[in-house]
Amino acid sequence: MAAGCGLFSTREPELPTSGGQTFTPPTSPYIVVENLKTAVKEKNAESFIQCLADTSRGDRFAYRFEPAAEIAARYASLFLTWNMVSERQTFISLMSKIPADTPPSLIISNDRFDVITQDSAIYTGDYVLTVNHSISAAKTRGVGIIRLTIAPNNLGQWSIIRWNDGAPIIANPSYATWSELKAQFSN
């Protein structure tokens, strides 16, 4: 009876489902940086937000974003109250304007960890964020210097507690900083 029903016969394996979510538990500051890059590439707001410190998840410090100086002056009231909700809304707004077949790109070069201790790490690099969105009035490339302070919570999970965005050494009016893109897509 068992031979006729095919219950124990070999079958074709199913293809894995791709949910577009690649998030590695952040047990080191290196993983946080990789998760951030991957979240942008996958347009994944939840993974992006998980890279940022959140006291409601047990982080010791609240996340803080420090925009590039020119943008901080131009959008002072916006960044005065910038928080996790602002990050989530802005990320979703920006990513929703990018066509599905055109993933964003985040390239960080000249990157390094300036400091790594048991309770914090400071990561610095030059970034190019390419977001081929559909808004004609906004720039599609962010260029600047990223400086992340990353710290662990009581469970050993690391996250970004402070993000400092800086303008590139040689400014190019064709490009924005990440701060400017955040300001433009914040509503």
C-alpha atoms as a PDB file:
ATOM      1  CA  MET A   1       0.000   0.000   0.000  1.00  0.00           C
ATOM      2  CA  ALA A   2       2.835   2.462   0.821  1.00  0.00           C
ATOM      3  CA  ALA A   3       4.584   1.761  -2.508  1.00  0.00           C
ATOM      4  CA  GLY A   4       1.642   2.996  -4.586  1.00  0.00           C
ATOM      5  CA  CYS A   5       0.986   6.412  -3.035  1.00  0.00           C
ATOM      6  CA  GLY A   6       4.433   7.995  -3.498  1.00  0.00           C
ATOM      7  CA  LEU A   7       4.572   9.167   0.104  1.00  0.00           C
ATOM      8  CA  PHE A   8       8.257   8.241   0.437  1.00  0.00           C
ATOM      9  CA  SER A   9       9.407   9.123  -3.075  1.00  0.00           C
ATOM     10  CA  THR A  10      11.896  11.906  -3.772  1.00  0.00           C
ATOM     11  CA  ARG A  11      10.437  15.210  -4.943  1.00  0.00           C
ATOM     12  CA  GLU A  12      11.840  18.426  -6.369  1.00  0.00           C
ATOM     13  CA  PRO A  13      12.959  20.850  -3.666  1.00  0.00           C
ATOM     14  CA  GLU A  14      11.024  24.086  -3.422  1.00  0.00           C
ATOM     15  CA  LEU A  15      12.763  27.344  -4.188  1.00  0.00           C
ATOM     16  CA  PRO A  16      13.395  29.478  -1.114  1.00  0.00           C
ATOM     17  CA  THR A  17      11.100  32.403  -0.655  1.00  0.00           C
ATOM     18  CA  SER A  18      12.830  35.717  -0.837  1.00  0.00           C
ATOM     19  CA  GLY A  19      11.313  38.127   1.603  1.00  0.00           C
ATOM     20  CA  GLY A  20      14.030  40.686   0.987  1.00  0.00           C
ATOM     21  CA  GLN A  21      15.011  40.699   4.626  1.00  0.00           C
ATOM     22  CA  THR A  22      18.602  40.029   5.498  1.00  0.00           C
ATOM     23  CA  PHE A  23      19.281  41.075   9.067  1.00  0.00           C
ATOM     24  CA  THR A  24      22.037  39.433  11.066  1.00  0.00           C
ATOM     25  CA  PRO A  25      21.851  39.670  14.859  1.00  0.00           C
ATOM     26  CA  PRO A  26      24.206  42.593  15.595  1.00  0.00           C
ATOM     27  CA  THR A  27      26.656  40.940  17.962  1.00  0.00           C
ATOM     28  CA  SER A  28      29.474  43.248  16.842  1.00  0.00           C
ATOM     29  CA  PRO A  29      29.808  46.779  15.483  1.00  0.00           C
ATOM     30  CA  TYR A  30      30.954  45.333  12.138  1.00  0.00           C
ATOM     31  CA  ILE A  31      27.607  43.570  11.728  1.00  0.00           C
ATOM     32  CA  VAL A  32      25.716  46.813  12.423  1.00  0.00           C
ATOM     33  CA  VAL A  33      27.461  48.489   9.487  1.00  0.00           C
ATOM     34  CA  GLU A  34      26.747  45.540   7.196  1.00  0.00           C
ATOM     35  CA  ASN A  35      23.095  45.472   8.320  1.00  0.00           C
ATOM     36  CA  LEU A  36      22.811  49.198   7.534  1.00  0.00           C
ATOM     37  CA  LYS A  37      24.189  48.711   4.005  1.00  0.00           C
ATOM     38  CA  THR A  38      21.931  45.716   3.418  1.00  0.00           C
ATOM     39  CA  ALA A  39      18.829  47.500   4.732  1.00  0.00           C
ATOM     40  CA  VAL A  40      19.385  50.315   2.226  1.00  0.00           C
ATOM     41  CA  LYS A  41      20.046  47.885  -0.632  1.00  0.00           C
ATOM     42  CA  GLU A  42      16.874  45.922   0.201  1.00  0.00           C
ATOM     43  CA  LYS A  43      14.811  49.080   0.908  1.00  0.00           C
ATOM     44  CA  ASN A  44      13.919  47.463   4.227  1.00  0.00           C
ATOM     45  CA  ALA A  45      12.692  49.999   6.778  1.00  0.00           C
ATOM     46  CA  GLU A  46      12.463  47.498   9.644  1.00  0.00           C
ATOM     47  CA  SER A  47      16.059  46.348   9.219  1.00  0.00           C
ATOM     48  CA  PHE A  48      17.164  49.976   8.874  1.00  0.00           C
ATOM     49  CA  ILE A  49      15.446  50.954  12.133  1.00  0.00           C
ATOM     50  CA  GLN A  50      16.859  47.899  13.935  1.00  0.00           C
ATOM     51  CA  CYS A  51      20.338  49.319  13.245  1.00  0.00           C
ATOM     52  CA  LEU A  52      19.501  52.361  15.384  1.00  0.00           C
ATOM     53  CA  ALA A  53      19.508  52.422  19.185  1.00  0.00           C
ATOM     54  CA  ASP A  54      16.101  52.303  20.825  1.00  0.00           C
ATOM     55  CA  THR A  55      15.705  52.468  24.596  1.00  0.00           C
ATOM     56  CA  SER A  56      12.402  50.579  24.343  1.00  0.00           C
ATOM     57  CA  ARG A  57      14.433  47.590  23.052  1.00  0.00           C
ATOM     58  CA  GLY A  58      16.847  47.756  25.983  1.00  0.00           C
ATOM     59  CA  ASP A  59      19.491  50.036  24.512  1.00  0.00           C
ATOM     60  CA  ARG A  60      21.266  52.170  27.101  1.00  0.00           C
ATOM     61  CA  PHE A  61      21.271  55.281  24.906  1.00  0.00           C
ATOM     62  CA  ALA A  62      18.672  56.867  22.657  1.00  0.00           C
ATOM     63  CA  TYR A  63      19.570  57.291  18.991  1.00  0.00           C
ATOM     64  CA  ARG A  64      20.668  60.750  17.876  1.00  0.00           C
ATOM     65  CA  PHE A  65      21.212  62.078  14.338  1.00  0.00           C
ATOM     66  CA  GLU A  66      23.504  65.040  13.731  1.00  0.00           C
ATOM     67  CA  PRO A  67      23.025  66.477  10.228  1.00  0.00           C
ATOM     68  CA  ALA A  68      25.713  68.126   8.127  1.00  0.00           C
ATOM     69  CA  ALA A  69      26.315  71.688   9.368  1.00  0.00           C
ATOM     70  CA  GLU A  70      24.798  73.515   6.375  1.00  0.00           C
ATOM     71  CA  ILE A  71      21.686  71.335   6.459  1.00  0.00           C
ATOM     72  CA  ALA A  72      21.381  71.684  10.244  1.00  0.00           C
ATOM     73  CA  ALA A  73      21.312  75.467   9.779  1.00  0.00           C
ATOM     74  CA  ARG A  74      18.871  75.359   6.857  1.00  0.00           C
ATOM     75  CA  TYR A  75      16.457  72.879   8.493  1.00  0.00           C
ATOM     76  CA  ALA A  76      17.063  73.720  12.165  1.00  0.00           C
ATOM     77  CA  SER A  77      13.494  73.145  13.344  1.00  0.00           C
ATOM     78  CA  LEU A  78      13.240  69.801  11.545  1.00  0.00           C
ATOM     79  CA  PHE A  79      16.387  68.301  13.029  1.00  0.00           C
ATOM     80  CA  LEU A  80      15.791  69.760  16.480  1.00  0.00           C
ATOM     81  CA  THR A  81      13.098  67.111  17.047  1.00  0.00           C
ATOM     82  CA  TRP A  82      14.556  64.354  14.826  1.00  0.00           C
ATOM     83  CA  ASN A  83      13.971  60.862  16.265  1.00  0.00           C
ATOM     84  CA  MET A  84      13.316  57.219  15.382  1.00  0.00           C
ATOM     85  CA  VAL A  85       9.863  58.007  13.989  1.00  0.00           C
ATOM     86  CA  SER A  86      11.436  60.650  11.740  1.00  0.00           C
ATOM     87  CA  GLU A  87      14.001  58.106  10.520  1.00  0.00           C
ATOM     88  CA  ARG A  88      11.362  55.481   9.771  1.00  0.00           C
ATOM     89  CA  GLN A  89       9.024  57.859   7.938  1.00  0.00           C
ATOM     90  CA  THR A  90      11.824  59.407   5.919  1.00  0.00           C
ATOM     91  CA  PHE A  91      13.336  56.056   4.959  1.00  0.00           C
ATOM     92  CA  ILE A  92       9.943  54.735   3.854  1.00  0.00           C
ATOM     93  CA  SER A  93       9.185  57.957   1.950  1.00  0.00           C
ATOM     94  CA  LEU A  94      12.508  57.899   0.108  1.00  0.00           C
ATOM     95  CA  MET A  95      12.448  54.188  -0.702  1.00  0.00           C
ATOM     96  CA  SER A  96       8.858  54.323  -1.932  1.00  0.00           C
ATOM     97  CA  LYS A  97       9.912  56.802  -4.632  1.00  0.00           C
ATOM     98  CA  ILE A  98      12.515  54.416  -6.073  1.00  0.00           C
ATOM     99  CA  PRO A  99      11.295  52.077  -8.855  1.00  0.00           C
ATOM    100  CA  ALA A 100      11.151  48.413  -7.846  1.00  0.00           C
ATOM    101  CA  ASP A 101      13.669  47.395 -10.513  1.00  0.00           C
ATOM    102  CA  THR A 102      16.233  50.010  -9.415  1.00  0.00           C
ATOM    103  CA  PRO A 103      17.683  49.208  -5.998  1.00  0.00           C
ATOM    104  CA  PRO A 104      19.437  51.988  -4.091  1.00  0.00           C
ATOM    105  CA  SER A 105      23.157  51.736  -3.569  1.00  0.00           C
ATOM    106  CA  LEU A 106      25.240  52.630  -0.531  1.00  0.00           C
ATOM    107  CA  ILE A 107      28.985  52.522  -1.036  1.00  0.00           C
ATOM    108  CA  ILE A 108      31.264  53.408   1.854  1.00  0.00           C
ATOM    109  CA  SER A 109      34.954  53.808   1.064  1.00  0.00           C
ATOM    110  CA  ASN A 110      38.000  54.789   3.111  1.00  0.00           C
ATOM    111  CA  ASP A 111      36.094  53.269   6.001  1.00  0.00           C
ATOM    112  CA  ARG A 112      37.566  52.260   9.279  1.00  0.00           C
ATOM    113  CA  PHE A 113      36.826  51.808  12.935  1.00  0.00           C
ATOM    114  CA  ASP A 114      38.700  54.622  14.674  1.00  0.00           C
ATOM    115  CA  VAL A 115      37.932  53.209  18.114  1.00  0.00           C
ATOM    116  CA  ILE A 116      36.680  49.834  19.283  1.00  0.00           C
ATOM    117  CA  THR A 117      36.260  49.124  22.985  1.00  0.00           C
ATOM    118  CA  GLN A 118      33.964  46.819  24.936  1.00  0.00           C
ATOM    119  CA  ASP A 119      31.339  49.514  25.279  1.00  0.00           C
ATOM    120  CA  SER A 120      31.568  51.526  22.052  1.00  0.00           C
ATOM    121  CA  ALA A 121      32.989  51.788  18.572  1.00  0.00           C
ATOM    122  CA  ILE A 122      33.400  54.718  16.210  1.00  0.00           C
ATOM    123  CA  TYR A 123      33.105  54.010  12.499  1.00  0.00           C
ATOM    124  CA  THR A 124      33.998  56.571   9.822  1.00  0.00           C
ATOM    125  CA  GLY A 125      33.933  56.535   6.038  1.00  0.00           C
ATOM    126  CA  ASP A 126      33.164  58.395   2.847  1.00  0.00           C
ATOM    127  CA  TYR A 127      29.760  57.439   1.465  1.00  0.00           C
ATOM    128  CA  VAL A 128      27.950  57.615  -1.831  1.00  0.00           C
ATOM    129  CA  LEU A 129      24.224  56.930  -1.549  1.00  0.00           C
ATOM    130  CA  THR A 130      22.527  56.551  -4.921  1.00  0.00           C
ATOM    131  CA  VAL A 131      18.740  56.675  -4.890  1.00  0.00           C
ATOM    132  CA  ASN A 132      17.241  56.936  -8.360  1.00  0.00           C
ATOM    133  CA  HIS A 133      13.887  58.214  -7.132  1.00  0.00           C
ATOM    134  CA  SER A 134      11.086  59.775  -9.124  1.00  0.00           C
ATOM    135  CA  ILE A 135      11.105  63.279  -7.586  1.00  0.00           C
ATOM    136  CA  SER A 136      12.582  65.704 -10.114  1.00  0.00           C
ATOM    137  CA  ALA A 137      13.242  68.496  -7.584  1.00  0.00           C
ATOM    138  CA  ALA A 138      15.429  66.308  -5.330  1.00  0.00           C
ATOM    139  CA  LYS A 139      18.952  65.068  -5.971  1.00  0.00           C
ATOM    140  CA  THR A 140      19.506  61.367  -6.540  1.00  0.00           C
ATOM    141  CA  ARG A 141      22.956  61.088  -5.028  1.00  0.00           C
ATOM    142  CA  GLY A 142      24.076  61.728  -1.485  1.00  0.00           C
ATOM    143  CA  VAL A 143      27.784  62.167  -0.907  1.00  0.00           C
ATOM    144  CA  GLY A 144      29.508  62.843   2.372  1.00  0.00           C
ATOM    145  CA  ILE A 145      31.262  61.536   5.433  1.00  0.00           C
ATOM    146  CA  ILE A 146      29.478  59.171   7.791  1.00  0.00           C
ATOM    147  CA  ARG A 147      30.559  58.850  11.405  1.00  0.00           C
ATOM    148  CA  LEU A 148      28.699  56.323  13.527  1.00  0.00           C
ATOM    149  CA  THR A 149      29.027  55.755  17.238  1.00  0.00           C
ATOM    150  CA  ILE A 150      27.923  52.195  17.909  1.00  0.00           C
ATOM    151  CA  ALA A 151      27.325  50.695  21.355  1.00  0.00           C
ATOM    152  CA  PRO A 152      26.024  47.407  22.795  1.00  0.00           C
ATOM    153  CA  ASN A 153      22.961  47.014  24.978  1.00  0.00           C
ATOM    154  CA  ASN A 154      22.870  44.838  28.091  1.00  0.00           C
ATOM    155  CA  LEU A 155      22.289  41.732  25.943  1.00  0.00           C
ATOM    156  CA  GLY A 156      25.353  42.329  23.752  1.00  0.00           C
ATOM    157  CA  GLN A 157      23.388  43.554  20.725  1.00  0.00           C
ATOM    158  CA  TRP A 158      25.075  46.554  19.082  1.00  0.00           C
ATOM    159  CA  SER A 159      23.304  49.536  17.476  1.00  0.00           C
ATOM    160  CA  ILE A 160      23.996  53.066  16.302  1.00  0.00           C
ATOM    161  CA  ILE A 161      23.606  55.550  19.141  1.00  0.00           C
ATOM    162  CA  ARG A 162      24.867  58.580  17.231  1.00  0.00           C
ATOM    163  CA  TRP A 163      25.018  59.250  13.497  1.00  0.00           C
ATOM    164  CA  ASN A 164      27.017  62.278  12.432  1.00  0.00           C
ATOM    165  CA  ASP A 165      26.670  63.241   8.780  1.00  0.00           C
ATOM    166  CA  GLY A 166      29.273  65.513   7.233  1.00  0.00           C
ATOM    167  CA  ALA A 167      29.658  67.216   3.900  1.00  0.00           C
ATOM    168  CA  PRO A 168      32.404  65.870   1.657  1.00  0.00           C
ATOM    169  CA  ILE A 169      35.791  67.579   1.699  1.00  0.00           C
ATOM    170  CA  ILE A 170      35.237  68.808  -1.872  1.00  0.00           C
ATOM    171  CA  ALA A 171      31.619  69.877  -2.280  1.00  0.00           C
ATOM    172  CA  ASN A 172      29.763  69.299  -5.547  1.00  0.00           C
ATOM    173  CA  PRO A 173      26.474  71.182  -6.044  1.00  0.00           C
ATOM    174  CA  SER A 174      25.141  68.255  -8.089  1.00  0.00           C
ATOM    175  CA  TYR A 175      25.090  66.075  -4.999  1.00  0.00           C
ATOM    176  CA  ALA A 176      23.298  66.261  -1.693  1.00  0.00           C
ATOM    177  CA  THR A 177      24.418  64.975   1.680  1.00  0.00           C
ATOM    178  CA  TRP A 178      22.388  62.234   3.336  1.00  0.00           C
ATOM    179  CA  SER A 179      21.126  64.955   5.685  1.00  0.00           C
ATOM    180  CA  GLU A 180      19.695  66.908   2.764  1.00  0.00           C
ATOM    181  CA  LEU A 181      17.975  63.815   1.397  1.00  0.00           C
ATOM    182  CA  LYS A 182      16.498  63.139   4.835  1.00  0.00           C
ATOM    183  CA  ALA A 183      15.204  66.723   4.983  1.00  0.00           C
ATOM    184  CA  GLN A 184      13.697  66.556   1.490  1.00  0.00           C
ATOM    185  CA  PHE A 185      11.898  63.260   2.092  1.00  0.00           C
ATOM    186  CA  SER A 186      10.856  63.889   5.695  1.00  0.00           C
ATOM    187  CA  ASN A 187       7.236  64.738   4.924  1.00  0.00           C
END
